[in-house]
Amino acid sequence: MMKLPITDEYLLRYLNGELSAQEILMLKNQVTDSNELQQRLDELHIIQTYLKQTSMLQNPGANFTTSVMNGLDRVKAPGISVKRGLILLIGSIVASGIALGLLSLGAFDSSTSLLIEPAVQTKFIEVPKISIPFNTKILINGIIFLNLGLLFVLLDRTILKPLFQNKATG
């Protein structure tokens, strides 16, 4: 009897029932003569069975897309809760008020400088001290400006957005 060159594709065609009766007979004879071929056929059969089982689990039902799309309206977008947002809003207002009060009293009117000294002093090399002047009033004004931006975002997210969403749905 003639021996066929057996490939994985040929074995898969056998498992899928795509071979003729004569090809099946020749394949069965070769499989009984070769332990290696029998082992490979068993492996492919296990893989094919597993893939068929998992593909049945992964096929969604007919109404799957519709139910997911309808469910998207019920999902809330993650964000700041109203309670935490109000606490942040009140804290930011208090911090801005304190900073503005100190600024108006002139607590930050003086200019200061950062003095950067060299780590090691040697007799041979003279490293100059570096002084960087900056105005604390400008720094505090920048912090207040950023704080006011945060206040507007918190106001929008915690009060205005829920208020207008409730009016739109109600």
Protein backbone atom coordinates (compact mmCIF):
# COMPACT_ATOMS: atom_id res chain seq x y z
CA MET A 1 0.00 0.00 0.00
CA MET A 2 1.18 3.52 -0.80
CA LYS A 3 2.33 5.83 1.99
CA LEU A 4 1.12 9.42 1.96
CA PRO A 5 3.20 12.36 3.20
CA ILE A 6 1.17 13.21 6.29
CA THR A 7 1.03 16.87 7.35
CA ASP A 8 -0.94 18.67 10.06
CA GLU A 9 -3.20 20.06 7.37
CA TYR A 10 -3.93 16.55 6.13
CA LEU A 11 -4.69 15.36 9.66
CA LEU A 12 -7.01 18.33 10.21
CA ARG A 13 -8.82 17.52 6.96
CA TYR A 14 -9.30 13.98 8.35
CA LEU A 15 -10.67 15.34 11.64
CA ASN A 16 -13.04 17.64 9.74
CA GLY A 17 -14.31 14.75 7.58
CA GLU A 18 -12.96 16.18 4.33
CA LEU A 19 -11.10 13.08 3.07
CA SER A 20 -12.35 10.41 0.68
CA ALA A 21 -12.92 6.84 1.85
CA GLN A 22 -9.71 5.68 0.17
CA GLU A 23 -7.66 8.47 1.82
CA ILE A 24 -9.17 7.64 5.21
CA LEU A 25 -8.22 4.00 4.82
CA MET A 26 -4.62 4.85 3.87
CA LEU A 27 -4.35 7.33 6.75
CA LYS A 28 -5.66 4.84 9.32
CA ASN A 29 -3.10 2.26 8.15
CA GLN A 30 -0.28 4.78 8.51
CA VAL A 31 -1.53 5.92 11.92
CA THR A 32 -1.60 2.36 13.27
CA ASP A 33 1.98 1.83 12.06
CA SER A 34 3.38 5.05 13.60
CA ASN A 35 3.16 6.02 17.27
CA GLU A 36 4.40 9.51 16.42
CA LEU A 37 1.61 10.04 13.88
CA GLN A 38 -0.98 8.69 16.33
CA GLN A 39 0.26 11.07 19.02
CA ARG A 40 0.10 14.06 16.64
CA LEU A 41 -3.44 13.12 15.55
CA ASP A 42 -4.51 12.92 19.21
CA GLU A 43 -2.95 16.34 19.93
CA LEU A 44 -4.71 17.93 16.98
CA HIS A 45 -8.01 16.31 18.01
CA ILE A 46 -7.67 17.75 21.55
CA ILE A 47 -6.83 21.20 20.19
CA GLN A 48 -9.71 21.12 17.72
CA THR A 49 -12.17 20.00 20.42
CA TYR A 50 -11.00 22.77 22.76
CA LEU A 51 -11.30 25.42 20.05
CA LYS A 52 -14.82 24.28 19.14
CA GLN A 53 -15.90 24.45 22.79
CA THR A 54 -14.43 27.90 23.39
CA SER A 55 -15.77 29.31 20.12
CA MET A 56 -19.28 28.36 21.22
CA LEU A 57 -18.76 30.28 24.45
CA GLN A 58 -17.42 33.37 22.69
CA ASN A 59 -20.25 33.81 20.20
CA PRO A 60 -22.54 36.51 21.60
CA GLY A 61 -26.29 36.32 21.29
CA ALA A 62 -28.32 38.17 18.68
CA ASN A 63 -29.29 41.01 21.07
CA PHE A 64 -25.82 41.41 22.58
CA THR A 65 -24.90 44.64 20.78
CA THR A 66 -28.29 46.22 21.46
CA SER A 67 -28.18 45.37 25.17
CA VAL A 68 -24.61 46.72 25.52
CA MET A 69 -25.48 49.96 23.72
CA ASN A 70 -28.59 50.43 25.89
CA GLY A 71 -26.54 49.72 29.02
CA LEU A 72 -24.03 52.46 28.22
CA ASP A 73 -26.59 55.11 29.22
CA ARG A 74 -26.82 53.64 32.71
CA VAL A 75 -23.07 53.66 33.34
CA LYS A 76 -21.82 56.71 35.21
CA ALA A 77 -18.56 58.22 34.09
CA PRO A 78 -15.93 58.17 36.84
CA GLY A 79 -15.35 61.53 38.42
CA ILE A 80 -15.28 63.44 41.64
CA SER A 81 -18.17 62.67 43.97
CA VAL A 82 -20.31 65.63 44.96
CA LYS A 83 -19.35 65.34 48.63
CA ARG A 84 -15.60 65.24 47.97
CA GLY A 85 -15.91 67.95 45.36
CA LEU A 86 -17.67 70.27 47.79
CA ILE A 87 -15.03 69.61 50.45
CA LEU A 88 -12.28 70.43 47.93
CA LEU A 89 -14.18 73.51 46.78
CA ILE A 90 -14.58 74.83 50.33
CA GLY A 91 -10.95 74.04 51.18
CA SER A 92 -9.72 75.82 48.06
CA ILE A 93 -11.86 78.87 48.83
CA VAL A 94 -10.48 79.01 52.38
CA ALA A 95 -6.88 78.62 51.17
CA SER A 96 -7.37 81.32 48.53
CA GLY A 97 -8.92 83.63 51.11
CA ILE A 98 -5.99 83.17 53.51
CA ALA A 99 -3.45 83.70 50.73
CA LEU A 100 -5.24 86.84 49.49
CA GLY A 101 -5.47 88.17 53.05
CA LEU A 102 -1.74 87.66 53.64
CA LEU A 103 -0.98 89.19 50.25
CA SER A 104 -3.06 92.29 51.00
CA LEU A 105 -1.33 92.69 54.40
CA GLY A 106 2.03 92.79 52.61
CA ALA A 107 3.39 89.55 54.03
CA PHE A 108 5.03 88.73 50.71
CA ASP A 109 6.31 92.16 49.67
CA SER A 110 9.98 91.51 50.35
CA SER A 111 12.19 89.87 47.78
CA THR A 112 14.21 86.93 48.95
CA SER A 113 16.87 84.85 47.34
CA LEU A 114 17.95 81.26 47.34
CA LEU A 115 21.56 80.83 48.32
CA ILE A 116 23.23 77.80 46.80
CA GLU A 117 26.52 77.03 48.48
CA PRO A 118 29.08 74.58 47.13
CA ALA A 119 29.13 71.23 48.86
CA VAL A 120 32.88 71.14 49.47
CA GLN A 121 35.27 74.07 50.00
CA THR A 122 38.83 73.58 48.88
CA LYS A 123 41.93 75.75 49.13
CA PHE A 124 42.85 75.26 45.50
CA ILE A 125 39.57 75.99 43.71
CA GLU A 126 37.34 78.89 44.65
CA VAL A 127 33.72 78.03 43.84
CA PRO A 128 31.46 81.10 43.89
CA LYS A 129 28.25 81.12 45.87
CA ILE A 130 25.20 81.33 43.65
CA SER A 131 22.31 83.56 44.64
CA ILE A 132 19.01 83.34 42.76
CA PRO A 133 16.67 86.24 43.57
CA PHE A 134 12.93 85.72 43.31
CA ASN A 135 9.89 87.63 44.42
CA THR A 136 7.62 85.65 46.75
CA LYS A 137 4.71 87.94 45.84
CA ILE A 138 4.85 86.68 42.24
CA LEU A 139 5.04 83.08 43.48
CA ILE A 140 1.98 83.51 45.72
CA ASN A 141 0.05 85.25 42.92
CA GLY A 142 0.80 82.26 40.67
CA ILE A 143 -0.38 79.82 43.33
CA ILE A 144 -3.59 81.80 43.83
CA PHE A 145 -4.17 81.91 40.07
CA LEU A 146 -3.79 78.11 39.82
CA ASN A 147 -6.04 77.69 42.85
CA LEU A 148 -8.75 79.81 41.20
CA GLY A 149 -8.52 77.63 38.07
CA LEU A 150 -9.00 74.58 40.28
CA LEU A 151 -11.97 76.28 41.93
CA PHE A 152 -13.68 76.81 38.56
CA VAL A 153 -13.12 73.17 37.58
CA LEU A 154 -14.46 71.93 40.92
CA LEU A 155 -17.44 74.26 40.71
CA ASP A 156 -18.24 72.93 37.25
CA ARG A 157 -17.82 69.25 38.14
CA THR A 158 -19.49 69.21 41.55
CA ILE A 159 -22.29 71.74 41.31
CA LEU A 160 -23.01 72.95 37.78
CA LYS A 161 -22.74 69.68 35.84
CA PRO A 162 -24.98 67.62 38.20
CA LEU A 163 -27.43 70.52 38.41
CA PHE A 164 -27.83 70.82 34.64
CA GLN A 165 -27.91 67.03 34.15
CA ASN A 166 -30.76 66.75 36.65
CA LYS A 167 -32.67 69.55 34.89
CA ALA A 168 -32.12 67.92 31.47
CA THR A 169 -33.34 64.49 32.61
CA GLY A 170 -36.11 65.77 34.87
